[in-house]
């Protein structure tokens, strides 16, 4: 009706964040790094991956892609900013074992491949493979509901339901 009357589309106020990796879902508070476990970067979940592929958990745009390819920021179409940080202390690997499939500014859809990584190399060289998935601008949210999943499949399993403030 709004579109017909004014040429406008109502702004989407709810967003479901799907799993960007396949693996075991963990509480963010259980991540052995205080930056994430104390939610200094924001609230979210963590995944212990069982394979080395990260896909987009939302439709949006790549707003940050670290040169070491271990972390990526996505801004969803609703305005949520999501950080996916593959492993802990992986920055020290200086990109070894990581391949990027997108660039900053690229538009992405749910399930688009973002990063490939060598899971065994991370197990060998980094502190942990656990991957935090964090909403970095949670101040725009009225509700953040973490769904009770224990296992997840990339691009398919819903993990977090949000509602933006009006």
N, C-alpha and C. Protein backbone atom coordinates (compact mmCIF):
# COMPACT_ATOMS: atom_id res chain seq x y z
N UNK A 1 0.82 -1.20 0.00
CA UNK A 1 0.00 0.00 0.00
C UNK A 1 0.86 1.26 0.00
N UNK A 2 1.89 1.31 0.90
CA UNK A 2 2.78 2.48 0.92
C UNK A 2 3.46 2.69 -0.41
N UNK A 3 3.91 1.58 -0.99
CA UNK A 3 4.61 1.68 -2.27
C UNK A 3 3.68 2.23 -3.34
N UNK A 4 2.44 1.75 -3.32
CA UNK A 4 1.46 2.18 -4.31
C UNK A 4 1.14 3.67 -4.15
N UNK A 5 0.97 4.09 -2.90
CA UNK A 5 0.59 5.48 -2.63
C UNK A 5 1.75 6.47 -2.79
N UNK A 6 2.90 6.11 -2.26
CA UNK A 6 4.00 7.07 -2.20
C UNK A 6 5.27 6.62 -2.91
N UNK A 7 5.25 5.42 -3.48
CA UNK A 7 6.47 4.91 -4.12
C UNK A 7 7.49 4.47 -3.08
N UNK A 8 7.04 4.17 -1.87
CA UNK A 8 7.94 3.79 -0.78
C UNK A 8 7.78 2.31 -0.45
N UNK A 9 8.85 1.73 0.06
CA UNK A 9 8.77 0.37 0.58
C UNK A 9 9.01 0.46 2.08
N UNK A 10 8.18 -0.21 2.89
CA UNK A 10 8.41 -0.13 4.33
C UNK A 10 9.76 -0.73 4.69
N UNK A 11 10.43 -0.09 5.66
CA UNK A 11 11.74 -0.57 6.09
C UNK A 11 11.58 -1.84 6.91
N UNK A 12 12.39 -2.82 6.59
CA UNK A 12 12.39 -4.08 7.33
C UNK A 12 12.94 -3.82 8.72
N UNK A 13 12.24 -4.32 9.75
CA UNK A 13 12.68 -4.06 11.13
C UNK A 13 13.14 -5.31 11.85
N UNK A 14 12.99 -6.47 11.21
CA UNK A 14 13.44 -7.71 11.83
C UNK A 14 14.50 -8.35 10.95
N UNK A 15 15.44 -9.03 11.58
CA UNK A 15 16.53 -9.68 10.84
C UNK A 15 16.85 -11.00 11.52
N UNK A 16 16.96 -12.04 10.71
CA UNK A 16 17.40 -13.34 11.20
C UNK A 16 18.82 -13.56 10.70
N UNK A 17 19.72 -13.84 11.63
CA UNK A 17 21.11 -14.11 11.26
C UNK A 17 21.27 -15.63 11.19
N UNK A 18 21.64 -16.10 10.01
CA UNK A 18 21.86 -17.52 9.81
C UNK A 18 23.30 -17.88 10.14
N UNK A 19 23.56 -19.16 10.27
CA UNK A 19 24.91 -19.63 10.58
C UNK A 19 25.86 -19.34 9.42
N UNK A 20 26.99 -18.68 9.69
CA UNK A 20 27.99 -18.45 8.64
C UNK A 20 28.96 -19.62 8.47
N UNK A 21 28.92 -20.57 9.41
CA UNK A 21 29.79 -21.75 9.36
C UNK A 21 28.99 -22.98 9.77
N UNK A 22 29.52 -24.14 9.46
CA UNK A 22 28.94 -25.39 9.93
C UNK A 22 29.75 -25.85 11.15
N UNK A 23 29.04 -26.22 12.22
CA UNK A 23 29.74 -26.67 13.41
C UNK A 23 28.87 -26.67 14.64
N UNK A 24 29.54 -26.58 15.80
CA UNK A 24 28.87 -26.60 17.10
C UNK A 24 28.68 -25.17 17.60
N UNK A 25 27.45 -24.84 17.98
CA UNK A 25 27.12 -23.51 18.48
C UNK A 25 27.51 -23.41 19.95
N UNK A 26 28.15 -22.30 20.30
CA UNK A 26 28.58 -22.06 21.69
C UNK A 26 28.10 -20.68 22.14
N UNK A 27 28.01 -20.50 23.43
CA UNK A 27 27.71 -19.18 23.98
C UNK A 27 28.92 -18.29 23.82
N UNK A 28 28.68 -17.04 23.51
CA UNK A 28 29.78 -16.08 23.37
C UNK A 28 30.56 -15.97 24.68
N UNK A 29 29.86 -16.11 25.81
CA UNK A 29 30.50 -16.01 27.12
C UNK A 29 31.53 -17.12 27.34
N UNK A 30 31.45 -18.20 26.56
CA UNK A 30 32.38 -19.32 26.70
C UNK A 30 33.62 -19.21 25.82
N UNK A 31 33.72 -18.15 25.04
CA UNK A 31 34.89 -17.94 24.18
C UNK A 31 36.08 -17.58 25.06
N UNK A 32 37.21 -18.29 24.93
CA UNK A 32 38.36 -18.02 25.80
C UNK A 32 39.17 -16.78 25.39
N UNK A 33 38.46 -15.68 25.21
CA UNK A 33 39.08 -14.38 24.91
C UNK A 33 38.14 -13.32 25.47
N UNK A 34 38.61 -12.53 26.45
CA UNK A 34 37.73 -11.57 27.12
C UNK A 34 37.12 -10.52 26.20
N UNK A 35 37.78 -10.18 25.12
CA UNK A 35 37.22 -9.20 24.18
C UNK A 35 35.85 -9.68 23.69
N UNK A 36 35.75 -10.99 23.44
CA UNK A 36 34.48 -11.56 22.98
C UNK A 36 33.59 -12.01 24.14
N UNK A 37 34.15 -12.75 25.11
CA UNK A 37 33.34 -13.31 26.19
C UNK A 37 32.71 -12.22 27.07
N UNK A 38 33.38 -11.08 27.19
CA UNK A 38 32.82 -9.97 27.97
C UNK A 38 32.03 -9.00 27.09
N UNK A 39 31.84 -9.39 25.85
CA UNK A 39 31.01 -8.65 24.88
C UNK A 39 31.48 -7.22 24.65
N UNK A 40 32.80 -7.02 24.68
CA UNK A 40 33.36 -5.69 24.43
C UNK A 40 33.08 -5.23 23.00
N UNK A 41 32.99 -6.18 22.07
CA UNK A 41 32.74 -5.86 20.66
C UNK A 41 31.24 -5.88 20.35
N UNK A 42 30.46 -6.52 21.23
CA UNK A 42 29.02 -6.66 21.02
C UNK A 42 28.57 -8.05 21.39
N UNK A 43 27.26 -8.27 21.27
CA UNK A 43 26.67 -9.55 21.64
C UNK A 43 26.58 -10.45 20.41
N UNK A 44 26.46 -11.73 20.64
CA UNK A 44 26.34 -12.68 19.54
C UNK A 44 26.48 -14.10 20.02
N UNK A 45 27.05 -14.93 19.16
CA UNK A 45 27.27 -16.35 19.47
C UNK A 45 28.67 -16.72 18.97
N UNK A 46 29.03 -17.98 19.17
CA UNK A 46 30.30 -18.47 18.63
C UNK A 46 30.05 -19.85 18.02
N UNK A 47 30.89 -20.21 17.08
CA UNK A 47 30.77 -21.52 16.43
C UNK A 47 32.13 -22.19 16.43
N UNK A 48 32.14 -23.47 16.82
CA UNK A 48 33.34 -24.30 16.71
C UNK A 48 33.20 -25.00 15.35
N UNK A 49 33.92 -24.53 14.31
CA UNK A 49 33.69 -25.05 12.96
C UNK A 49 34.21 -26.48 12.76
N UNK A 50 33.52 -27.20 11.87
CA UNK A 50 33.97 -28.54 11.50
C UNK A 50 34.45 -28.59 10.05
N UNK A 51 34.37 -27.43 9.37
CA UNK A 51 34.88 -27.31 8.01
C UNK A 51 35.31 -25.87 7.78
N UNK A 52 36.09 -25.65 6.74
CA UNK A 52 36.73 -24.35 6.53
C UNK A 52 36.09 -23.42 5.53
N UNK A 53 34.78 -23.15 5.69
CA UNK A 53 34.12 -22.20 4.80
C UNK A 53 33.23 -21.27 5.60
N UNK A 54 33.34 -19.97 5.32
CA UNK A 54 32.46 -18.96 5.91
C UNK A 54 31.57 -18.42 4.80
N UNK A 55 30.25 -18.39 5.06
CA UNK A 55 29.30 -17.82 4.10
C UNK A 55 28.60 -16.64 4.75
N UNK A 56 27.97 -15.83 3.93
CA UNK A 56 27.25 -14.68 4.47
C UNK A 56 26.01 -15.14 5.24
N UNK A 57 25.85 -14.64 6.47
CA UNK A 57 24.69 -15.01 7.29
C UNK A 57 23.46 -14.14 7.01
N UNK A 58 23.65 -13.09 6.19
CA UNK A 58 22.58 -12.13 5.87
C UNK A 58 22.80 -11.60 4.46
N UNK A 59 21.78 -10.94 3.92
CA UNK A 59 21.95 -10.17 2.69
C UNK A 59 22.53 -8.82 3.12
N UNK A 60 23.53 -8.33 2.40
CA UNK A 60 24.11 -7.05 2.78
C UNK A 60 25.32 -6.69 1.96
N UNK A 61 26.24 -5.97 2.61
CA UNK A 61 27.44 -5.46 1.95
C UNK A 61 28.65 -5.70 2.84
N UNK A 62 29.77 -6.05 2.22
CA UNK A 62 31.02 -6.21 2.96
C UNK A 62 31.54 -4.81 3.30
N UNK A 63 31.63 -4.51 4.59
CA UNK A 63 32.09 -3.18 5.00
C UNK A 63 33.52 -3.19 5.53
N UNK A 64 34.01 -4.37 5.86
CA UNK A 64 35.40 -4.48 6.32
C UNK A 64 35.90 -5.89 6.05
N UNK A 65 37.10 -5.98 5.49
CA UNK A 65 37.72 -7.28 5.28
C UNK A 65 39.19 -7.12 5.63
N UNK A 66 39.56 -7.69 6.76
CA UNK A 66 40.93 -7.55 7.24
C UNK A 66 41.91 -8.11 6.23
N UNK A 67 43.04 -7.46 6.04
CA UNK A 67 44.02 -7.88 5.03
C UNK A 67 44.55 -9.29 5.29
N UNK A 68 44.45 -9.75 6.53
CA UNK A 68 44.89 -11.11 6.88
C UNK A 68 43.80 -12.15 6.62
N UNK A 69 42.64 -11.71 6.16
CA UNK A 69 41.51 -12.57 5.76
C UNK A 69 40.92 -13.40 6.90
N UNK A 70 41.26 -13.09 8.15
CA UNK A 70 40.76 -13.87 9.29
C UNK A 70 39.45 -13.31 9.86
N UNK A 71 39.05 -12.12 9.45
CA UNK A 71 37.85 -11.49 9.99
C UNK A 71 37.21 -10.61 8.93
N UNK A 72 35.87 -10.56 9.00
CA UNK A 72 35.12 -9.82 7.99
C UNK A 72 33.92 -9.15 8.64
N UNK A 73 33.59 -7.95 8.17
CA UNK A 73 32.43 -7.22 8.66
C UNK A 73 31.40 -7.07 7.55
N UNK A 74 30.14 -7.32 7.89
CA UNK A 74 29.04 -7.22 6.94
C UNK A 74 27.99 -6.29 7.51
N UNK A 75 27.44 -5.42 6.67
CA UNK A 75 26.30 -4.59 7.07
C UNK A 75 25.08 -5.15 6.35
N UNK A 76 24.10 -5.59 7.13
CA UNK A 76 22.90 -6.20 6.54
C UNK A 76 22.02 -5.11 5.92
N UNK A 77 21.03 -5.56 5.16
CA UNK A 77 20.12 -4.61 4.53
C UNK A 77 19.29 -3.84 5.55
N UNK A 78 19.17 -4.36 6.79
CA UNK A 78 18.45 -3.64 7.84
C UNK A 78 19.37 -2.69 8.62
N UNK A 79 20.67 -2.79 8.37
CA UNK A 79 21.62 -1.91 9.05
C UNK A 79 22.43 -2.58 10.15
N UNK A 80 22.17 -3.86 10.43
CA UNK A 80 22.98 -4.58 11.42
C UNK A 80 24.41 -4.73 10.92
N UNK A 81 25.37 -4.53 11.80
CA UNK A 81 26.77 -4.75 11.45
C UNK A 81 27.26 -5.99 12.19
N UNK A 82 27.72 -6.96 11.41
CA UNK A 82 28.09 -8.27 11.95
C UNK A 82 29.56 -8.54 11.68
N UNK A 83 30.28 -8.90 12.72
CA UNK A 83 31.68 -9.28 12.61
C UNK A 83 31.79 -10.79 12.75
N UNK A 84 32.49 -11.41 11.80
CA UNK A 84 32.80 -12.84 11.88
C UNK A 84 34.31 -12.94 12.00
N UNK A 85 34.78 -13.46 13.14
CA UNK A 85 36.21 -13.52 13.43
C UNK A 85 36.63 -14.99 13.49
N UNK A 86 37.27 -15.49 12.43
CA UNK A 86 37.61 -16.91 12.34
C UNK A 86 38.77 -17.24 13.29
N UNK A 87 38.47 -18.03 14.30
CA UNK A 87 39.48 -18.46 15.26
C UNK A 87 39.94 -17.35 16.18
N UNK A 88 40.78 -17.73 17.14
CA UNK A 88 41.35 -16.77 18.08
C UNK A 88 42.86 -16.71 17.86
N UNK A 89 43.40 -15.50 17.90
CA UNK A 89 44.82 -15.25 17.65
C UNK A 89 45.23 -15.65 16.23
N UNK A 90 44.27 -15.66 15.32
CA UNK A 90 44.55 -16.02 13.93
C UNK A 90 45.20 -14.87 13.16
N UNK A 91 45.12 -13.67 13.70
CA UNK A 91 45.79 -12.53 13.05
C UNK A 91 47.30 -12.79 12.94
N UNK A 92 47.85 -13.54 13.90
CA UNK A 92 49.29 -13.84 13.90
C UNK A 92 49.69 -14.75 12.74
N UNK A 93 48.71 -15.38 12.09
CA UNK A 93 49.00 -16.24 10.93
C UNK A 93 49.25 -15.42 9.67
N UNK A 94 48.97 -14.11 9.75
CA UNK A 94 49.24 -13.17 8.65
C UNK A 94 48.65 -13.62 7.31
N UNK A 95 47.45 -14.20 7.37
CA UNK A 95 46.76 -14.60 6.15
C UNK A 95 47.06 -16.02 5.69
N UNK A 96 48.05 -16.67 6.28
CA UNK A 96 48.39 -18.04 5.88
C UNK A 96 47.21 -18.97 6.15
N UNK A 97 46.80 -19.70 5.13
CA UNK A 97 45.70 -20.64 5.27
C UNK A 97 44.32 -20.04 5.03
N UNK A 98 44.25 -18.75 4.70
CA UNK A 98 42.98 -18.06 4.46
C UNK A 98 42.89 -17.61 3.00
N UNK A 99 41.71 -17.75 2.41
CA UNK A 99 41.45 -17.25 1.06
C UNK A 99 40.16 -16.44 1.09
N UNK A 100 40.22 -15.22 0.61
CA UNK A 100 39.04 -14.37 0.54
C UNK A 100 38.34 -14.54 -0.79
N UNK A 101 37.02 -14.49 -0.77
CA UNK A 101 36.23 -14.64 -1.99
C UNK A 101 35.43 -13.39 -2.31
N UNK A 102 35.57 -12.35 -1.48
CA UNK A 102 34.86 -11.08 -1.68
C UNK A 102 35.80 -9.93 -1.35
N UNK A 103 35.36 -8.72 -1.67
CA UNK A 103 36.12 -7.51 -1.36
C UNK A 103 35.21 -6.52 -0.65
N UNK A 104 35.82 -5.56 0.03
CA UNK A 104 35.03 -4.50 0.65
C UNK A 104 34.19 -3.83 -0.42
N UNK A 105 32.94 -3.55 -0.08
CA UNK A 105 32.02 -2.91 -1.01
C UNK A 105 31.16 -3.89 -1.79
N UNK A 106 31.53 -5.17 -1.80
CA UNK A 106 30.73 -6.17 -2.52
C UNK A 106 29.38 -6.37 -1.83
N UNK A 107 28.34 -6.52 -2.65
CA UNK A 107 27.01 -6.89 -2.15
C UNK A 107 26.99 -8.41 -2.06
N UNK A 108 26.42 -8.94 -0.98
CA UNK A 108 26.34 -10.38 -0.77
C UNK A 108 24.94 -10.80 -0.41
N UNK A 109 24.63 -12.05 -0.69
CA UNK A 109 23.36 -12.67 -0.33
C UNK A 109 23.65 -13.80 0.66
N UNK A 110 22.64 -14.19 1.41
CA UNK A 110 22.78 -15.32 2.34
C UNK A 110 23.36 -16.51 1.59
N UNK A 111 24.40 -17.12 2.17
CA UNK A 111 25.00 -18.32 1.59
C UNK A 111 26.16 -18.06 0.65
N UNK A 112 26.39 -16.78 0.25
CA UNK A 112 27.55 -16.48 -0.61
C UNK A 112 28.84 -16.78 0.15
N UNK A 113 29.78 -17.42 -0.53
CA UNK A 113 31.06 -17.77 0.10
C UNK A 113 31.88 -16.49 0.33
N UNK A 114 32.34 -16.31 1.57
CA UNK A 114 33.14 -15.14 1.95
C UNK A 114 34.62 -15.49 2.12
N UNK A 115 34.88 -16.55 2.90
CA UNK A 115 36.25 -16.93 3.25
C UNK A 115 36.36 -18.46 3.23
N UNK A 116 37.48 -18.96 2.73
CA UNK A 116 37.85 -20.37 2.91
C UNK A 116 39.07 -20.37 3.81
N UNK A 117 39.18 -21.39 4.67
CA UNK A 117 40.34 -21.45 5.55
C UNK A 117 40.72 -22.90 5.80
N UNK A 118 42.00 -23.09 6.14
CA UNK A 118 42.54 -24.40 6.43
C UNK A 118 42.36 -24.68 7.91
N UNK A 119 41.31 -25.43 8.24
CA UNK A 119 40.95 -25.69 9.63
C UNK A 119 42.08 -26.38 10.39
N UNK A 120 42.76 -27.32 9.77
CA UNK A 120 43.85 -28.04 10.45
C UNK A 120 45.03 -27.11 10.75
N UNK A 121 45.31 -26.18 9.83
CA UNK A 121 46.39 -25.22 10.05
C UNK A 121 46.07 -24.29 11.22
N UNK A 122 44.81 -23.88 11.32
CA UNK A 122 44.39 -23.02 12.44
C UNK A 122 44.53 -23.79 13.75
N UNK A 123 44.14 -25.06 13.75
CA UNK A 123 44.29 -25.89 14.96
C UNK A 123 45.76 -25.95 15.38
N UNK A 124 46.64 -25.98 14.41
CA UNK A 124 48.08 -26.09 14.67
C UNK A 124 48.72 -24.77 15.09
N UNK A 125 48.30 -23.66 14.47
CA UNK A 125 49.02 -22.39 14.64
C UNK A 125 48.32 -21.32 15.48
N UNK A 126 47.02 -21.47 15.74
CA UNK A 126 46.29 -20.42 16.45
C UNK A 126 45.86 -20.92 17.84
N UNK A 127 45.34 -20.01 18.63
CA UNK A 127 44.92 -20.35 20.00
C UNK A 127 43.67 -21.23 19.99
N UNK A 128 42.80 -21.04 19.01
CA UNK A 128 41.54 -21.79 18.95
C UNK A 128 40.90 -21.61 17.59
N UNK A 129 40.05 -22.56 17.22
CA UNK A 129 39.28 -22.42 15.98
C UNK A 129 37.92 -21.77 16.23
N UNK A 130 37.55 -21.59 17.50
CA UNK A 130 36.24 -21.02 17.82
C UNK A 130 36.08 -19.67 17.13
N UNK A 131 34.92 -19.48 16.51
CA UNK A 131 34.69 -18.31 15.67
C UNK A 131 33.53 -17.48 16.21
N UNK A 132 33.82 -16.32 16.82
CA UNK A 132 32.76 -15.43 17.27
C UNK A 132 32.02 -14.79 16.09
N UNK A 133 30.71 -14.67 16.24
CA UNK A 133 29.84 -13.97 15.29
C UNK A 133 29.11 -12.93 16.12
N UNK A 134 29.49 -11.65 15.93
CA UNK A 134 29.10 -10.60 16.86
C UNK A 134 28.38 -9.46 16.13
N UNK A 135 27.30 -8.98 16.74
CA UNK A 135 26.62 -7.78 16.25
C UNK A 135 27.33 -6.59 16.90
N UNK A 136 28.03 -5.80 16.11
CA UNK A 136 28.86 -4.72 16.66
C UNK A 136 28.10 -3.42 16.88
N UNK A 137 26.90 -3.31 16.35
CA UNK A 137 26.10 -2.09 16.59
C UNK A 137 24.77 -2.44 17.23
N UNK A 138 24.82 -3.24 18.28
CA UNK A 138 23.63 -3.69 18.98
C UNK A 138 22.77 -2.59 19.56
N UNK A 139 23.31 -1.38 19.64
CA UNK A 139 22.54 -0.25 20.16
C UNK A 139 21.32 0.08 19.29
N UNK A 140 21.28 -0.40 18.04
CA UNK A 140 20.13 -0.14 17.18
C UNK A 140 19.02 -1.18 17.38
N UNK A 141 19.27 -2.15 18.27
CA UNK A 141 18.32 -3.24 18.46
C UNK A 141 17.43 -3.05 19.67
N UNK A 142 16.18 -3.44 19.49
CA UNK A 142 15.24 -3.51 20.60
C UNK A 142 15.32 -4.90 21.22
N UNK A 143 15.45 -5.92 20.34
CA UNK A 143 15.47 -7.32 20.79
C UNK A 143 16.59 -8.07 20.08
N UNK A 144 17.33 -8.88 20.85
CA UNK A 144 18.26 -9.85 20.27
C UNK A 144 17.97 -11.17 20.96
N UNK A 145 17.49 -12.12 20.17
CA UNK A 145 17.13 -13.43 20.72
C UNK A 145 18.01 -14.49 20.08
N UNK A 146 18.79 -15.15 20.93
CA UNK A 146 19.64 -16.25 20.45
C UNK A 146 18.81 -17.52 20.46
N UNK A 147 18.73 -18.19 19.33
CA UNK A 147 17.93 -19.39 19.23
C UNK A 147 18.68 -20.55 19.85
N UNK A 148 17.98 -21.56 20.30
CA UNK A 148 18.58 -22.65 21.07
C UNK A 148 19.16 -23.76 20.21
N UNK A 149 19.99 -23.41 19.26
CA UNK A 149 20.62 -24.41 18.41
C UNK A 149 21.92 -24.88 19.05
N UNK A 150 22.25 -26.15 18.87
CA UNK A 150 23.53 -26.66 19.37
C UNK A 150 24.46 -27.02 18.22
N UNK A 151 23.88 -27.35 17.08
CA UNK A 151 24.64 -27.63 15.86
C UNK A 151 24.08 -26.71 14.78
N UNK A 152 24.92 -26.33 13.83
CA UNK A 152 24.42 -25.46 12.77
C UNK A 152 25.05 -25.81 11.43
N UNK A 153 24.30 -25.49 10.38
CA UNK A 153 24.78 -25.68 9.02
C UNK A 153 24.83 -24.31 8.34
N UNK A 154 25.97 -24.02 7.74
CA UNK A 154 26.20 -22.70 7.13
C UNK A 154 25.12 -22.36 6.11
N UNK A 155 24.62 -21.11 6.20
CA UNK A 155 23.64 -20.61 5.26
C UNK A 155 22.24 -21.14 5.45
N UNK A 156 22.02 -22.02 6.44
CA UNK A 156 20.71 -22.65 6.62
C UNK A 156 20.14 -22.44 8.03
N UNK A 157 20.93 -22.73 9.06
CA UNK A 157 20.43 -22.71 10.44
C UNK A 157 20.28 -21.29 10.96
N UNK A 158 19.06 -20.89 11.39
CA UNK A 158 18.90 -19.58 12.03
C UNK A 158 19.51 -19.61 13.42
N UNK A 159 20.32 -18.59 13.75
CA UNK A 159 20.98 -18.54 15.06
C UNK A 159 20.52 -17.40 15.94
N UNK A 160 20.26 -16.25 15.32
CA UNK A 160 19.89 -15.06 16.11
C UNK A 160 18.73 -14.36 15.39
N UNK A 161 17.71 -13.99 16.18
CA UNK A 161 16.58 -13.21 15.67
C UNK A 161 16.67 -11.83 16.31
N UNK A 162 16.57 -10.79 15.50
CA UNK A 162 16.65 -9.43 16.04
C UNK A 162 15.46 -8.60 15.60
N UNK A 163 15.20 -7.56 16.38
CA UNK A 163 14.22 -6.55 16.01
C UNK A 163 14.84 -5.19 16.27
N UNK A 164 14.81 -4.34 15.25
CA UNK A 164 15.37 -3.00 15.38
C UNK A 164 14.45 -2.09 16.16
N UNK A 165 15.05 -1.11 16.85
CA UNK A 165 14.25 -0.09 17.54
C UNK A 165 13.47 0.69 16.50
N UNK A 166 12.26 1.13 16.90
CA UNK A 166 11.48 1.92 15.92
C UNK A 166 11.81 3.38 16.00
